[in-house]
Amino acid sequence: MSNSIQSKLVRQNLRLVKRLYPTLSKRSLRVLRELTGSFHLSLSRGEIIPIDGRWYITHAGLLGIALRRKCIGIRTALQQPLCDPIAGRWVFKATVFKSPLSPGFVGYGDADPSNVSPLVHGAEMRVAETRAVNRALRKAYGIGLCSAEELGYVAPPSPRTAPTGKGTVHSSSNGNGTGNGQPRLRDRLSLLIRQHQLDSAAVKLFAAEFCGTHELREASREMVESFINHLAEWASKDRDGLLCKLNSYAAPAEVRS
């Protein structure tokens, strides 16, 4: 990556983080600048996120690094003797090959209902595989930064206030706000969309229909939260069925049921 492109990415990340997370310390901003320069991570693409004032790389960010550095391949294997399907406990081994002659860098990942977000209950197997891949990639490319997916809860914190030209705007009580320090519903929904690779425009149309409003922003916080829980459960248990539902929103309005 050229110096001009790298500098542009640093500026983009700093502008975005100041707007989304205005309470982050100057030290956190310096760390973001260093990480952007070292690994070319993009905040807008969800490759790095702040949680409780600390930066974490994401699965998308690690895959981006592997792609830019021409990773040859990643192999995963279920560790059956360590798994307990009834309890929802899964363990994976991942091996990253940086080059054709690479001996491979190994990482292990585990997941069960006690150490994953409630949003992904029922998808512990996929979480375990992702965690294994993340650890292997971090070893392969010397990334000491922990990945968000290795935590028990991966949604970024919500900024309680945002500066404007007229003072301070506090989080509201609708679908985007938070009054108890929990992640914003918008952040949770964005996480689900990235995690399950869903079409964001179709999800918003589905959400508005589910909430019985013309647009999602008109829905109450309770309805938006109910939709997110519904979407998370459907995506975990029957992603193909959910995709069929979302594809129906791509049809012209006059033929949509």
C-alpha atoms as a PDB file:
ATOM      1  CA  MET A   1       0.000   0.000   0.000  1.00  0.00           C
ATOM      2  CA  SER A   2       1.445   3.380  -1.023  1.00  0.00           C
ATOM      3  CA  ASN A   3       2.127   6.079   1.550  1.00  0.00           C
ATOM      4  CA  SER A   4      -0.596   8.320   0.102  1.00  0.00           C
ATOM      5  CA  ILE A   5      -3.231   5.592   0.313  1.00  0.00           C
ATOM      6  CA  GLN A   6      -2.088   4.675   3.811  1.00  0.00           C
ATOM      7  CA  SER A   7      -2.287   8.314   4.936  1.00  0.00           C
ATOM      8  CA  LYS A   8      -5.756   8.605   3.457  1.00  0.00           C
ATOM      9  CA  LEU A   9      -6.894   5.512   5.360  1.00  0.00           C
ATOM     10  CA  VAL A  10      -5.461   6.911   8.616  1.00  0.00           C
ATOM     11  CA  ARG A  11      -7.385  10.166   8.107  1.00  0.00           C
ATOM     12  CA  GLN A  12     -10.602   8.293   7.280  1.00  0.00           C
ATOM     13  CA  ASN A  13     -10.316   6.129  10.396  1.00  0.00           C
ATOM     14  CA  LEU A  14      -9.615   9.094  12.660  1.00  0.00           C
ATOM     15  CA  ARG A  15     -12.530  11.120  11.280  1.00  0.00           C
ATOM     16  CA  LEU A  16     -14.927   8.207  11.653  1.00  0.00           C
ATOM     17  CA  VAL A  17     -13.856   7.197  15.149  1.00  0.00           C
ATOM     18  CA  LYS A  18     -14.168  10.772  16.429  1.00  0.00           C
ATOM     19  CA  ARG A  19     -17.709  10.901  15.084  1.00  0.00           C
ATOM     20  CA  LEU A  20     -18.845   7.461  16.291  1.00  0.00           C
ATOM     21  CA  TYR A  21     -16.884   7.219  19.548  1.00  0.00           C
ATOM     22  CA  PRO A  22     -16.194  10.774  20.708  1.00  0.00           C
ATOM     23  CA  THR A  23     -15.313   9.704  24.265  1.00  0.00           C
ATOM     24  CA  LEU A  24     -12.261   7.628  23.281  1.00  0.00           C
ATOM     25  CA  SER A  25      -9.014   8.841  24.817  1.00  0.00           C
ATOM     26  CA  LYS A  26      -6.161  10.443  22.913  1.00  0.00           C
ATOM     27  CA  ARG A  27      -4.138   7.327  23.632  1.00  0.00           C
ATOM     28  CA  SER A  28      -6.769   5.213  21.857  1.00  0.00           C
ATOM     29  CA  LEU A  29      -6.571   7.526  18.859  1.00  0.00           C
ATOM     30  CA  ARG A  30      -2.782   7.166  18.767  1.00  0.00           C
ATOM     31  CA  VAL A  31      -3.114   3.386  18.923  1.00  0.00           C
ATOM     32  CA  LEU A  32      -5.638   3.482  16.066  1.00  0.00           C
ATOM     33  CA  ARG A  33      -3.193   5.523  13.976  1.00  0.00           C
ATOM     34  CA  GLU A  34      -0.411   2.997  14.647  1.00  0.00           C
ATOM     35  CA  LEU A  35      -2.603  -0.014  13.877  1.00  0.00           C
ATOM     36  CA  THR A  36      -3.853   1.555  10.669  1.00  0.00           C
ATOM     37  CA  GLY A  37      -0.285   2.195   9.564  1.00  0.00           C
ATOM     38  CA  SER A  38       0.922  -1.292  10.468  1.00  0.00           C
ATOM     39  CA  PHE A  39      -1.964  -3.435   9.216  1.00  0.00           C
ATOM     40  CA  HIS A  40      -3.998  -1.100   6.964  1.00  0.00           C
ATOM     41  CA  LEU A  41      -7.224  -1.835   8.851  1.00  0.00           C
ATOM     42  CA  SER A  42     -10.409   0.040   7.986  1.00  0.00           C
ATOM     43  CA  LEU A  43     -12.872   1.095  10.666  1.00  0.00           C
ATOM     44  CA  SER A  44     -15.671   1.652   8.135  1.00  0.00           C
ATOM     45  CA  ARG A  45     -15.331  -1.909   6.836  1.00  0.00           C
ATOM     46  CA  GLY A  46     -15.571  -3.308  10.366  1.00  0.00           C
ATOM     47  CA  GLU A  47     -11.986  -4.586  10.384  1.00  0.00           C
ATOM     48  CA  ILE A  48     -11.216  -3.059  13.777  1.00  0.00           C
ATOM     49  CA  ILE A  49     -13.538  -1.998  16.604  1.00  0.00           C
ATOM     50  CA  PRO A  50     -13.191  -0.424  20.063  1.00  0.00           C
ATOM     51  CA  ILE A  51     -14.596  -2.310  23.054  1.00  0.00           C
ATOM     52  CA  ASP A  52     -14.336  -0.792  26.539  1.00  0.00           C
ATOM     53  CA  GLY A  53     -11.659   1.619  25.336  1.00  0.00           C
ATOM     54  CA  ARG A  54      -9.448  -1.062  23.778  1.00  0.00           C
ATOM     55  CA  TRP A  55      -9.009  -1.963  20.123  1.00  0.00           C
ATOM     56  CA  TYR A  56      -9.808  -5.403  18.742  1.00  0.00           C
ATOM     57  CA  ILE A  57      -9.276  -6.739  15.258  1.00  0.00           C
ATOM     58  CA  THR A  58     -12.184  -8.585  13.627  1.00  0.00           C
ATOM     59  CA  HIS A  59     -12.431 -11.699  11.498  1.00  0.00           C
ATOM     60  CA  ALA A  60     -12.906  -9.459   8.450  1.00  0.00           C
ATOM     61  CA  GLY A  61      -9.744  -7.552   9.328  1.00  0.00           C
ATOM     62  CA  LEU A  62      -7.688 -10.722   9.703  1.00  0.00           C
ATOM     63  CA  LEU A  63      -8.934 -12.116   6.404  1.00  0.00           C
ATOM     64  CA  GLY A  64      -8.077  -8.801   4.758  1.00  0.00           C
ATOM     65  CA  ILE A  65      -4.508  -9.011   6.052  1.00  0.00           C
ATOM     66  CA  ALA A  66      -4.219 -12.613   4.837  1.00  0.00           C
ATOM     67  CA  LEU A  67      -5.493 -11.616   1.396  1.00  0.00           C
ATOM     68  CA  ARG A  68      -3.123  -8.654   1.075  1.00  0.00           C
ATOM     69  CA  ARG A  69      -0.182 -10.825   2.118  1.00  0.00           C
ATOM     70  CA  LYS A  70      -1.164 -13.572  -0.326  1.00  0.00           C
ATOM     71  CA  CYS A  71      -2.005 -16.325   2.150  1.00  0.00           C
ATOM     72  CA  ILE A  72      -2.024 -19.686   0.354  1.00  0.00           C
ATOM     73  CA  GLY A  73      -4.786 -21.323   2.353  1.00  0.00           C
ATOM     74  CA  ILE A  74      -6.484 -22.123   5.652  1.00  0.00           C
ATOM     75  CA  ARG A  75      -7.413 -25.622   6.797  1.00  0.00           C
ATOM     76  CA  THR A  76      -9.854 -26.305   9.649  1.00  0.00           C
ATOM     77  CA  ALA A  77     -10.631 -29.549  11.438  1.00  0.00           C
ATOM     78  CA  LEU A  78     -13.232 -30.377  14.080  1.00  0.00           C
ATOM     79  CA  GLN A  79     -11.671 -31.806  17.246  1.00  0.00           C
ATOM     80  CA  GLN A  80     -14.351 -34.397  17.902  1.00  0.00           C
ATOM     81  CA  PRO A  81     -12.943 -35.897  21.148  1.00  0.00           C
ATOM     82  CA  LEU A  82     -13.174 -32.456  22.768  1.00  0.00           C
ATOM     83  CA  CYS A  83     -16.695 -31.679  21.532  1.00  0.00           C
ATOM     84  CA  ASP A  84     -20.034 -32.198  23.227  1.00  0.00           C
ATOM     85  CA  PRO A  85     -22.873 -31.617  20.720  1.00  0.00           C
ATOM     86  CA  ILE A  86     -25.571 -32.030  23.358  1.00  0.00           C
ATOM     87  CA  ALA A  87     -24.054 -29.263  25.480  1.00  0.00           C
ATOM     88  CA  GLY A  88     -23.332 -27.160  22.398  1.00  0.00           C
ATOM     89  CA  ARG A  89     -19.572 -27.256  22.961  1.00  0.00           C
ATOM     90  CA  TRP A  90     -17.341 -27.310  19.867  1.00  0.00           C
ATOM     91  CA  VAL A  91     -13.569 -27.155  19.369  1.00  0.00           C
ATOM     92  CA  PHE A  92     -11.756 -26.529  16.086  1.00  0.00           C
ATOM     93  CA  LYS A  93      -8.154 -26.568  14.961  1.00  0.00           C
ATOM     94  CA  ALA A  94      -7.130 -24.178  12.197  1.00  0.00           C
ATOM     95  CA  THR A  95      -3.882 -24.159  10.213  1.00  0.00           C
ATOM     96  CA  VAL A  96      -2.803 -21.151   8.147  1.00  0.00           C
ATOM     97  CA  PHE A  97      -0.342 -21.626   5.267  1.00  0.00           C
ATOM     98  CA  LYS A  98       1.416 -18.399   4.316  1.00  0.00           C
ATOM     99  CA  SER A  99       3.278 -19.903   1.359  1.00  0.00           C
ATOM    100  CA  PRO A 100       3.541 -23.216  -0.530  1.00  0.00           C
ATOM    101  CA  LEU A 101       6.471 -24.259   1.686  1.00  0.00           C
ATOM    102  CA  SER A 102       4.971 -22.970   4.940  1.00  0.00           C
ATOM    103  CA  PRO A 103       4.814 -25.600   7.717  1.00  0.00           C
ATOM    104  CA  GLY A 104       1.571 -23.985   8.879  1.00  0.00           C
ATOM    105  CA  PHE A 105       0.575 -21.887  11.864  1.00  0.00           C
ATOM    106  CA  VAL A 106      -1.906 -23.605  14.190  1.00  0.00           C
ATOM    107  CA  GLY A 107      -4.627 -22.100  16.330  1.00  0.00           C
ATOM    108  CA  TYR A 108      -7.467 -23.603  18.368  1.00  0.00           C
ATOM    109  CA  GLY A 109     -10.874 -22.173  19.077  1.00  0.00           C
ATOM    110  CA  ASP A 110     -13.722 -23.321  21.309  1.00  0.00           C
ATOM    111  CA  ALA A 111     -17.284 -22.138  21.846  1.00  0.00           C
ATOM    112  CA  ASP A 112     -20.249 -23.112  23.981  1.00  0.00           C
ATOM    113  CA  PRO A 113     -23.389 -21.300  25.172  1.00  0.00           C
ATOM    114  CA  SER A 114     -21.515 -19.880  28.174  1.00  0.00           C
ATOM    115  CA  ASN A 115     -18.889 -17.984  26.177  1.00  0.00           C
ATOM    116  CA  VAL A 116     -20.757 -16.647  23.136  1.00  0.00           C
ATOM    117  CA  SER A 117     -23.158 -13.759  22.726  1.00  0.00           C
ATOM    118  CA  PRO A 118     -26.874 -14.563  23.160  1.00  0.00           C
ATOM    119  CA  LEU A 119     -27.244 -13.292  19.590  1.00  0.00           C
ATOM    120  CA  VAL A 120     -25.466 -16.375  18.231  1.00  0.00           C
ATOM    121  CA  HIS A 121     -26.760 -19.116  20.512  1.00  0.00           C
ATOM    122  CA  GLY A 122     -27.237 -22.176  18.326  1.00  0.00           C
ATOM    123  CA  ALA A 123     -24.285 -21.226  16.124  1.00  0.00           C
ATOM    124  CA  GLU A 124     -21.508 -22.242  18.522  1.00  0.00           C
ATOM    125  CA  MET A 125     -19.904 -24.550  15.948  1.00  0.00           C
ATOM    126  CA  ARG A 126     -19.360 -21.679  13.506  1.00  0.00           C
ATOM    127  CA  VAL A 127     -18.113 -19.409  16.283  1.00  0.00           C
ATOM    128  CA  ALA A 128     -15.562 -22.033  17.355  1.00  0.00           C
ATOM    129  CA  GLU A 129     -14.246 -22.385  13.809  1.00  0.00           C
ATOM    130  CA  THR A 130     -13.992 -18.604  13.410  1.00  0.00           C
ATOM    131  CA  ARG A 131     -12.080 -18.298  16.667  1.00  0.00           C
ATOM    132  CA  ALA A 132      -9.648 -21.029  15.603  1.00  0.00           C
ATOM    133  CA  VAL A 133      -9.025 -19.323  12.253  1.00  0.00           C
ATOM    134  CA  ASN A 134      -8.520 -15.973  13.967  1.00  0.00           C
ATOM    135  CA  ARG A 135      -5.934 -17.348  16.374  1.00  0.00           C
ATOM    136  CA  ALA A 136      -4.059 -19.096  13.577  1.00  0.00           C
ATOM    137  CA  LEU A 137      -4.031 -15.934  11.461  1.00  0.00           C
ATOM    138  CA  ARG A 138      -2.814 -13.841  14.375  1.00  0.00           C
ATOM    139  CA  LYS A 139       0.073 -16.259  14.907  1.00  0.00           C
ATOM    140  CA  ALA A 140       0.907 -16.404  11.219  1.00  0.00           C
ATOM    141  CA  TYR A 141       1.134 -12.647  10.784  1.00  0.00           C
ATOM    142  CA  GLY A 142       2.418 -11.647  14.199  1.00  0.00           C
ATOM    143  CA  ILE A 143      -0.714  -9.819  15.342  1.00  0.00           C
ATOM    144  CA  GLY A 144      -0.794  -9.434  19.094  1.00  0.00           C
ATOM    145  CA  LEU A 145      -4.143  -7.660  18.968  1.00  0.00           C
ATOM    146  CA  CYS A 146      -6.909  -9.974  20.239  1.00  0.00           C
ATOM    147  CA  SER A 147      -9.791 -10.535  17.848  1.00  0.00           C
ATOM    148  CA  ALA A 148     -13.312  -9.478  18.755  1.00  0.00           C
ATOM    149  CA  GLU A 149     -14.757 -12.886  17.949  1.00  0.00           C
ATOM    150  CA  GLU A 150     -12.587 -14.469  20.631  1.00  0.00           C
ATOM    151  CA  LEU A 151     -14.475 -12.502  23.272  1.00  0.00           C
ATOM    152  CA  GLY A 152     -17.726 -13.615  24.821  1.00  0.00           C
ATOM    153  CA  TYR A 153     -19.528 -10.591  23.388  1.00  0.00           C
ATOM    154  CA  VAL A 154     -18.338  -8.946  20.188  1.00  0.00           C
ATOM    155  CA  ALA A 155     -20.604  -5.946  19.657  1.00  0.00           C
ATOM    156  CA  PRO A 156     -18.813  -2.590  19.995  1.00  0.00           C
ATOM    157  CA  PRO A 157     -19.824  -0.202  22.778  1.00  0.00           C
ATOM    158  CA  SER A 158     -22.241   2.573  22.011  1.00  0.00           C
ATOM    159  CA  PRO A 159     -21.132   6.166  22.435  1.00  0.00           C
ATOM    160  CA  ARG A 160     -23.494   7.811  24.919  1.00  0.00           C
ATOM    161  CA  THR A 161     -23.075  11.247  23.432  1.00  0.00           C
ATOM    162  CA  ALA A 162     -22.060  12.752  20.129  1.00  0.00           C
ATOM    163  CA  PRO A 163     -20.798  16.299  19.618  1.00  0.00           C
ATOM    164  CA  THR A 164     -22.607  18.666  17.287  1.00  0.00           C
ATOM    165  CA  GLY A 165     -22.274  22.301  16.413  1.00  0.00           C
ATOM    166  CA  LYS A 166     -24.920  23.184  19.021  1.00  0.00           C
ATOM    167  CA  GLY A 167     -23.599  21.218  21.946  1.00  0.00           C
ATOM    168  CA  THR A 168     -24.200  17.575  22.766  1.00  0.00           C
ATOM    169  CA  VAL A 169     -26.763  15.135  21.470  1.00  0.00           C
ATOM    170  CA  HIS A 170     -27.565  12.302  23.872  1.00  0.00           C
ATOM    171  CA  SER A 171     -28.554   8.809  22.833  1.00  0.00           C
ATOM    172  CA  SER A 172     -32.290   8.536  22.345  1.00  0.00           C
ATOM    173  CA  SER A 173     -34.685   5.881  23.582  1.00  0.00           C
ATOM    174  CA  ASN A 174     -35.563   4.632  20.089  1.00  0.00           C
ATOM    175  CA  GLY A 175     -33.981   1.774  18.178  1.00  0.00           C
ATOM    176  CA  ASN A 176     -30.597   3.481  17.939  1.00  0.00           C
ATOM    177  CA  GLY A 177     -30.167   4.580  21.542  1.00  0.00           C
ATOM    178  CA  THR A 178     -28.985   3.024  24.734  1.00  0.00           C
ATOM    179  CA  GLY A 179     -29.511   4.174  28.251  1.00  0.00           C
ATOM    180  CA  ASN A 180     -27.673   1.496  30.188  1.00  0.00           C
ATOM    181  CA  GLY A 181     -24.290   1.184  28.525  1.00  0.00           C
ATOM    182  CA  GLN A 182     -25.379  -1.734  26.326  1.00  0.00           C
ATOM    183  CA  PRO A 183     -24.444  -1.776  22.617  1.00  0.00           C
ATOM    184  CA  ARG A 184     -26.743   0.207  20.356  1.00  0.00           C
ATOM    185  CA  LEU A 185     -29.359  -1.792  18.520  1.00  0.00           C
ATOM    186  CA  ARG A 186     -28.017  -0.401  15.260  1.00  0.00           C
ATOM    187  CA  ASP A 187     -24.576  -1.830  16.103  1.00  0.00           C
ATOM    188  CA  ARG A 188     -26.097  -5.200  16.963  1.00  0.00           C
ATOM    189  CA  LEU A 189     -28.014  -5.267  13.687  1.00  0.00           C
ATOM    190  CA  SER A 190     -24.911  -4.282  11.701  1.00  0.00           C
ATOM    191  CA  LEU A 191     -22.967  -7.047  13.418  1.00  0.00           C
ATOM    192  CA  LEU A 192     -25.583  -9.623  12.451  1.00  0.00           C
ATOM    193  CA  ILE A 193     -25.575  -8.435   8.844  1.00  0.00           C
ATOM    194  CA  ARG A 194     -21.776  -8.732   8.618  1.00  0.00           C
ATOM    195  CA  GLN A 195     -21.646 -12.000  10.527  1.00  0.00           C
ATOM    196  CA  HIS A 196     -24.148 -13.796   8.312  1.00  0.00           C
ATOM    197  CA  GLN A 197     -23.358 -11.850   5.101  1.00  0.00           C
ATOM    198  CA  LEU A 198     -26.880 -10.518   4.642  1.00  0.00           C
ATOM    199  CA  ASP A 199     -28.095  -7.812   2.281  1.00  0.00           C
ATOM    200  CA  SER A 200     -28.440  -4.714   4.453  1.00  0.00           C
ATOM    201  CA  ALA A 201     -31.103  -3.044   2.277  1.00  0.00           C
ATOM    202  CA  ALA A 202     -33.275  -6.170   2.320  1.00  0.00           C
ATOM    203  CA  VAL A 203     -32.820  -6.537   6.081  1.00  0.00           C
ATOM    204  CA  LYS A 204     -34.048  -2.967   6.618  1.00  0.00           C
ATOM    205  CA  LEU A 205     -37.138  -3.610   4.491  1.00  0.00           C
ATOM    206  CA  PHE A 206     -37.797  -6.832   6.384  1.00  0.00           C
ATOM    207  CA  ALA A 207     -37.341  -5.003   9.686  1.00  0.00           C
ATOM    208  CA  ALA A 208     -39.808  -2.267   8.750  1.00  0.00           C
ATOM    209  CA  GLU A 209     -42.379  -4.877   7.745  1.00  0.00           C
ATOM    210  CA  PHE A 210     -41.784  -6.844  10.941  1.00  0.00           C
ATOM    211  CA  CYS A 211     -42.200  -3.702  13.072  1.00  0.00           C
ATOM    212  CA  GLY A 212     -45.258  -2.554  11.132  1.00  0.00           C
ATOM    213  CA  THR A 213     -43.759   0.784  10.133  1.00  0.00           C
ATOM    214  CA  HIS A 214     -42.990   2.495   6.852  1.00  0.00           C
ATOM    215  CA  GLU A 215     -39.317   2.870   7.798  1.00  0.00           C
ATOM    216  CA  LEU A 216     -37.216   1.169  10.457  1.00  0.00           C
ATOM    217  CA  ARG A 217     -36.373   4.463  12.169  1.00  0.00           C
ATOM    218  CA  GLU A 218     -40.061   4.933  12.972  1.00  0.00           C
ATOM    219  CA  ALA A 219     -40.206   1.736  15.037  1.00  0.00           C
ATOM    220  CA  SER A 220     -39.962   1.683  18.817  1.00  0.00           C
ATOM    221  CA  ARG A 221     -36.838   0.386  20.516  1.00  0.00           C
ATOM    222  CA  GLU A 222     -38.773  -2.618  21.839  1.00  0.00           C
ATOM    223  CA  MET A 223     -39.919  -3.605  18.337  1.00  0.00           C
ATOM    224  CA  VAL A 224     -36.426  -3.186  16.874  1.00  0.00           C
ATOM    225  CA  GLU A 225     -34.943  -5.307  19.653  1.00  0.00           C
ATOM    226  CA  SER A 226     -37.585  -7.985  19.041  1.00  0.00           C
ATOM    227  CA  PHE A 227     -36.736  -7.984  15.333  1.00  0.00           C
ATOM    228  CA  ILE A 228     -33.004  -8.320  15.998  1.00  0.00           C
ATOM    229  CA  ASN A 229     -33.578 -11.299  18.280  1.00  0.00           C
ATOM    230  CA  HIS A 230     -35.842 -12.858  15.638  1.00  0.00           C
ATOM    231  CA  LEU A 231     -33.264 -12.259  12.900  1.00  0.00           C
ATOM    232  CA  ALA A 232     -30.416 -13.699  14.983  1.00  0.00           C
ATOM    233  CA  GLU A 233     -32.351 -16.875  15.749  1.00  0.00           C
ATOM    234  CA  TRP A 234     -33.445 -17.355  12.131  1.00  0.00           C
ATOM    235  CA  ALA A 235     -29.937 -16.721  10.759  1.00  0.00           C
ATOM    236  CA  SER A 236     -28.425 -19.241  13.176  1.00  0.00           C
ATOM    237  CA  LYS A 237     -30.956 -22.010  12.607  1.00  0.00           C
ATOM    238  CA  ASP A 238     -31.967 -21.602   8.953  1.00  0.00           C
ATOM    239  CA  ARG A 239     -29.795 -19.136   7.038  1.00  0.00           C
ATOM    240  CA  ASP A 240     -30.957 -20.460   3.666  1.00  0.00           C
ATOM    241  CA  GLY A 241     -34.574 -19.861   4.608  1.00  0.00           C
ATOM    242  CA  LEU A 242     -33.721 -16.350   5.768  1.00  0.00           C
ATOM    243  CA  LEU A 243     -31.934 -15.633   2.489  1.00  0.00           C
ATOM    244  CA  CYS A 244     -35.029 -16.717   0.573  1.00  0.00           C
ATOM    245  CA  LYS A 245     -37.089 -14.320   2.665  1.00  0.00           C
ATOM    246  CA  LEU A 246     -34.658 -11.456   2.074  1.00  0.00           C
ATOM    247  CA  ASN A 247     -34.469 -12.197  -1.649  1.00  0.00           C
ATOM    248  CA  SER A 248     -38.201 -11.573  -1.869  1.00  0.00           C
ATOM    249  CA  TYR A 249     -37.534  -7.900  -1.120  1.00  0.00           C
ATOM    250  CA  ALA A 250     -35.475  -7.603  -4.279  1.00  0.00           C
ATOM    251  CA  ALA A 251     -38.614  -8.182  -6.356  1.00  0.00           C
ATOM    252  CA  PRO A 252     -40.595  -5.203  -7.689  1.00  0.00           C
ATOM    253  CA  ALA A 253     -43.044  -3.835  -5.160  1.00  0.00           C
ATOM    254  CA  GLU A 254     -46.107  -4.625  -7.278  1.00  0.00           C
ATOM    255  CA  VAL A 255     -45.379  -8.357  -7.249  1.00  0.00           C
ATOM    256  CA  ARG A 256     -44.137  -8.624  -3.676  1.00  0.00           C
ATOM    257  CA  SER A 257     -46.526 -10.437  -1.343  1.00  0.00           C
END
